[in-house]
């Protein structure tokens, strides 16, 4: 059973992941249009941050799964 605080934290991780990838995409497009290498490199940095948040989100979701039930154990 999950708590409401845990659900809020999961939602916040998801929102930050989505926003990070949106900002990354905008920076890449802006960097190419402006010919700015610094914007493109910052976008790649943000992409790495987004991957880190995505792996954290995946770890939280995996850790909440039940591994087994007591009635599943064969003796």
Protein backbone atom coordinates (compact mmCIF):
# COMPACT_ATOMS: atom_id res chain seq x y z
CA UNK A 1 0.00 0.00 0.00
CA UNK A 2 1.50 3.32 -1.01
CA UNK A 3 1.08 6.55 0.84
CA UNK A 4 -0.12 9.78 -0.66
CA UNK A 5 3.30 11.35 0.02
CA UNK A 6 4.96 8.60 -2.02
CA UNK A 7 2.53 9.20 -4.87
CA UNK A 8 3.27 12.92 -4.80
CA UNK A 9 7.02 12.24 -4.93
CA UNK A 10 6.52 9.88 -7.87
CA UNK A 11 4.46 12.49 -9.68
CA UNK A 12 7.10 15.15 -8.99
CA UNK A 13 9.81 12.90 -10.43
CA UNK A 14 7.71 12.30 -13.53
CA UNK A 15 6.99 16.01 -13.99
CA UNK A 16 10.65 16.95 -13.57
CA UNK A 17 11.67 14.26 -16.07
CA UNK A 18 9.17 15.45 -18.68
CA UNK A 19 10.09 19.10 -18.20
CA UNK A 20 13.78 18.31 -18.42
CA UNK A 21 13.36 16.52 -21.75
CA UNK A 22 11.14 19.32 -23.11
CA UNK A 23 13.70 21.96 -22.14
CA UNK A 24 16.44 19.82 -23.69
CA UNK A 25 14.55 19.58 -26.98
CA UNK A 26 13.94 23.36 -27.02
CA UNK A 27 17.62 24.03 -26.34
CA UNK A 28 18.73 21.69 -29.13
CA UNK A 29 16.39 23.36 -31.62
CA UNK A 30 17.39 26.83 -30.48
CA UNK A 31 21.07 25.89 -30.55
CA UNK A 32 20.87 24.65 -34.12
CA UNK A 33 18.82 27.63 -35.29
CA UNK A 34 21.14 30.12 -33.60
CA UNK A 35 24.30 28.19 -34.43
CA UNK A 36 25.21 28.20 -30.74
CA UNK A 37 27.49 25.43 -29.59
CA UNK A 38 27.03 26.46 -25.96
CA UNK A 39 23.25 25.89 -26.16
CA UNK A 40 23.75 22.49 -27.75
CA UNK A 41 26.29 21.47 -25.11
CA UNK A 42 23.96 22.66 -22.34
CA UNK A 43 21.19 20.62 -23.94
CA UNK A 44 23.37 17.52 -23.85
CA UNK A 45 24.12 18.23 -20.19
CA UNK A 46 20.38 18.54 -19.48
CA UNK A 47 19.76 15.32 -21.38
CA UNK A 48 22.13 13.55 -18.98
CA UNK A 49 20.22 15.03 -16.06
CA UNK A 50 16.97 13.81 -17.60
CA UNK A 51 18.36 10.30 -17.97
CA UNK A 52 19.38 10.38 -14.30
CA UNK A 53 15.89 11.42 -13.23
CA UNK A 54 14.37 8.77 -15.52
CA UNK A 55 16.53 6.05 -13.95
CA UNK A 56 15.49 7.27 -10.48
CA UNK A 57 11.83 7.14 -11.50
CA UNK A 58 12.28 3.62 -12.89
CA UNK A 59 14.03 2.51 -9.69
CA UNK A 60 11.19 3.87 -7.55
CA UNK A 61 8.58 2.10 -9.68
CA UNK A 62 10.50 -1.19 -9.65
CA UNK A 63 11.04 -1.03 -5.90
CA UNK A 64 7.29 -0.73 -5.29
CA UNK A 65 6.49 -4.01 -7.05
CA UNK A 66 5.80 -7.00 -4.87
CA UNK A 67 8.32 -9.74 -5.39
CA UNK A 68 6.18 -12.61 -4.12
CA UNK A 69 3.16 -13.46 -2.06
CA UNK A 70 3.24 -15.86 0.82
CA UNK A 71 0.68 -18.16 -0.86
CA UNK A 72 3.03 -18.46 -3.87
CA UNK A 73 5.67 -20.27 -1.83
CA UNK A 74 5.78 -24.03 -2.41
CA UNK A 75 6.95 -26.16 0.45
